[in-house]
Amino acid sequence: MSDLRTFNGRRYEIVFGSDVQRDGVFLELSDRTDPTIEILAEVFFYDELGRVVFNAYKESIPFQLIHWLVESAAKEGWPIGWPEKP
């Protein structure tokens, strides 16, 4: 899966991938405006643990991009909501 969008004149992409060492899958947000791709953030789903984490690799990422990344994780069906009360 790959999704491209333009925001404030820059090109961004979310890419789906897997990581055998960390035993899970991820959605990675990157800035593709310049020839050198800059990874900004990721949402990672640990398969065995059923746990989702967010990692930012740069400061001051526009919130709209974070929203897009989290929304993409929700579309994948990852458990990102609050646990239900007993």
C-alpha atoms as a PDB file:
ATOM      1  CA  MET A   1       0.000   0.000   0.000  1.00  0.00           C
ATOM      2  CA  SER A   2       1.197   3.469  -0.814  1.00  0.00           C
ATOM      3  CA  ASP A   3      -0.673   6.762  -0.640  1.00  0.00           C
ATOM      4  CA  LEU A   4       0.630  10.138  -1.868  1.00  0.00           C
ATOM      5  CA  ARG A   5      -0.678  13.575  -0.922  1.00  0.00           C
ATOM      6  CA  THR A   6       0.431  17.183  -1.266  1.00  0.00           C
ATOM      7  CA  PHE A   7       0.259  19.470   1.772  1.00  0.00           C
ATOM      8  CA  ASN A   8       1.522  23.075   1.915  1.00  0.00           C
ATOM      9  CA  GLY A   9       3.338  22.591  -1.387  1.00  0.00           C
ATOM     10  CA  ARG A  10       5.242  19.465  -0.258  1.00  0.00           C
ATOM     11  CA  ARG A  11       4.701  15.832  -1.315  1.00  0.00           C
ATOM     12  CA  TYR A  12       4.144  13.214   1.372  1.00  0.00           C
ATOM     13  CA  GLU A  13       3.691   9.453   1.207  1.00  0.00           C
ATOM     14  CA  ILE A  14       2.487   6.735   3.546  1.00  0.00           C
ATOM     15  CA  VAL A  15       3.969   3.320   2.823  1.00  0.00           C
ATOM     16  CA  PHE A  16       2.965  -0.045   4.328  1.00  0.00           C
ATOM     17  CA  GLY A  17       5.763  -2.461   5.181  1.00  0.00           C
ATOM     18  CA  SER A  18       6.766  -5.345   7.423  1.00  0.00           C
ATOM     19  CA  ASP A  19       9.661  -5.757   9.822  1.00  0.00           C
ATOM     20  CA  VAL A  20      10.703  -9.323  10.663  1.00  0.00           C
ATOM     21  CA  GLN A  21      13.127  -8.275  13.413  1.00  0.00           C
ATOM     22  CA  ARG A  22      10.464  -6.324  15.317  1.00  0.00           C
ATOM     23  CA  ASP A  23       7.786  -8.917  14.414  1.00  0.00           C
ATOM     24  CA  GLY A  24       5.194  -6.604  12.959  1.00  0.00           C
ATOM     25  CA  VAL A  25       4.030  -4.239  10.273  1.00  0.00           C
ATOM     26  CA  PHE A  26       4.210  -0.476   9.904  1.00  0.00           C
ATOM     27  CA  LEU A  27       2.881   2.568   8.129  1.00  0.00           C
ATOM     28  CA  GLU A  28       5.653   5.045   7.450  1.00  0.00           C
ATOM     29  CA  LEU A  29       5.111   8.748   6.726  1.00  0.00           C
ATOM     30  CA  SER A  30       7.797  10.359   4.580  1.00  0.00           C
ATOM     31  CA  ASP A  31       8.474  13.653   2.832  1.00  0.00           C
ATOM     32  CA  ARG A  32       9.116  12.895  -0.857  1.00  0.00           C
ATOM     33  CA  THR A  33       9.446  16.474  -2.070  1.00  0.00           C
ATOM     34  CA  ASP A  34      13.230  16.371  -2.440  1.00  0.00           C
ATOM     35  CA  PRO A  35      15.315  13.626  -4.087  1.00  0.00           C
ATOM     36  CA  THR A  36      16.408  12.465  -0.615  1.00  0.00           C
ATOM     37  CA  ILE A  37      13.392  10.871   1.096  1.00  0.00           C
ATOM     38  CA  GLU A  38      12.974  11.922   4.736  1.00  0.00           C
ATOM     39  CA  ILE A  39      11.089   9.582   7.064  1.00  0.00           C
ATOM     40  CA  LEU A  40       9.024  11.667   9.482  1.00  0.00           C
ATOM     41  CA  ALA A  41       7.047   9.168  11.563  1.00  0.00           C
ATOM     42  CA  GLU A  42       5.634   5.674  11.741  1.00  0.00           C
ATOM     43  CA  VAL A  43       2.816   3.719  13.313  1.00  0.00           C
ATOM     44  CA  PHE A  44       3.981   0.196  14.169  1.00  0.00           C
ATOM     45  CA  PHE A  45       1.775  -2.823  14.953  1.00  0.00           C
ATOM     46  CA  TYR A  46       3.455  -5.629  16.931  1.00  0.00           C
ATOM     47  CA  ASP A  47       1.791  -8.799  15.657  1.00  0.00           C
ATOM     48  CA  GLU A  48       2.393 -11.056  18.648  1.00  0.00           C
ATOM     49  CA  LEU A  49       1.579  -8.410  21.252  1.00  0.00           C
ATOM     50  CA  GLY A  50      -1.358  -6.883  19.388  1.00  0.00           C
ATOM     51  CA  ARG A  51       0.056  -3.488  20.352  1.00  0.00           C
ATOM     52  CA  VAL A  52       0.335  -0.307  18.291  1.00  0.00           C
ATOM     53  CA  VAL A  53       2.952   2.401  18.886  1.00  0.00           C
ATOM     54  CA  PHE A  54       3.728   5.775  17.307  1.00  0.00           C
ATOM     55  CA  ASN A  55       7.295   6.920  16.620  1.00  0.00           C
ATOM     56  CA  ALA A  56       8.228  10.420  15.429  1.00  0.00           C
ATOM     57  CA  TYR A  57      11.612  10.971  13.805  1.00  0.00           C
ATOM     58  CA  LYS A  58      11.284  14.725  13.326  1.00  0.00           C
ATOM     59  CA  GLU A  59       9.868  17.613  15.363  1.00  0.00           C
ATOM     60  CA  SER A  60       7.025  19.895  14.303  1.00  0.00           C
ATOM     61  CA  ILE A  61       5.211  17.543  11.931  1.00  0.00           C
ATOM     62  CA  PRO A  62       1.948  19.201  10.836  1.00  0.00           C
ATOM     63  CA  PHE A  63      -0.940  17.666  12.755  1.00  0.00           C
ATOM     64  CA  GLN A  64      -2.886  17.023   9.537  1.00  0.00           C
ATOM     65  CA  LEU A  65      -0.157  14.590   8.467  1.00  0.00           C
ATOM     66  CA  ILE A  66      -0.267  12.784  11.831  1.00  0.00           C
ATOM     67  CA  HIS A  67      -4.040  12.554  11.509  1.00  0.00           C
ATOM     68  CA  TRP A  68      -3.670  11.062   8.022  1.00  0.00           C
ATOM     69  CA  LEU A  69      -1.159   8.503   9.356  1.00  0.00           C
ATOM     70  CA  VAL A  70      -3.375   7.457  12.295  1.00  0.00           C
ATOM     71  CA  GLU A  71      -6.451   7.367  10.058  1.00  0.00           C
ATOM     72  CA  SER A  72      -4.545   5.037   7.701  1.00  0.00           C
ATOM     73  CA  ALA A  73      -3.738   2.719  10.637  1.00  0.00           C
ATOM     74  CA  ALA A  74      -7.421   2.652  11.577  1.00  0.00           C
ATOM     75  CA  LYS A  75      -8.320   1.678   7.999  1.00  0.00           C
ATOM     76  CA  GLU A  76      -5.893  -1.264   8.326  1.00  0.00           C
ATOM     77  CA  GLY A  77      -7.974  -2.443  11.290  1.00  0.00           C
ATOM     78  CA  TRP A  78      -5.230  -1.949  13.861  1.00  0.00           C
ATOM     79  CA  PRO A  79      -6.397  -1.598  17.492  1.00  0.00           C
ATOM     80  CA  ILE A  80      -5.850   2.136  17.976  1.00  0.00           C
ATOM     81  CA  GLY A  81      -8.948   3.039  19.996  1.00  0.00           C
ATOM     82  CA  TRP A  82      -9.339   3.217  23.752  1.00  0.00           C
ATOM     83  CA  PRO A  83      -9.936  -0.145  25.447  1.00  0.00           C
ATOM     84  CA  GLU A  84     -13.572  -0.720  26.332  1.00  0.00           C
ATOM     85  CA  LYS A  85     -14.549  -0.293  29.968  1.00  0.00           C
ATOM     86  CA  PRO A  86     -15.343  -3.507  31.843  1.00  0.00           C
END
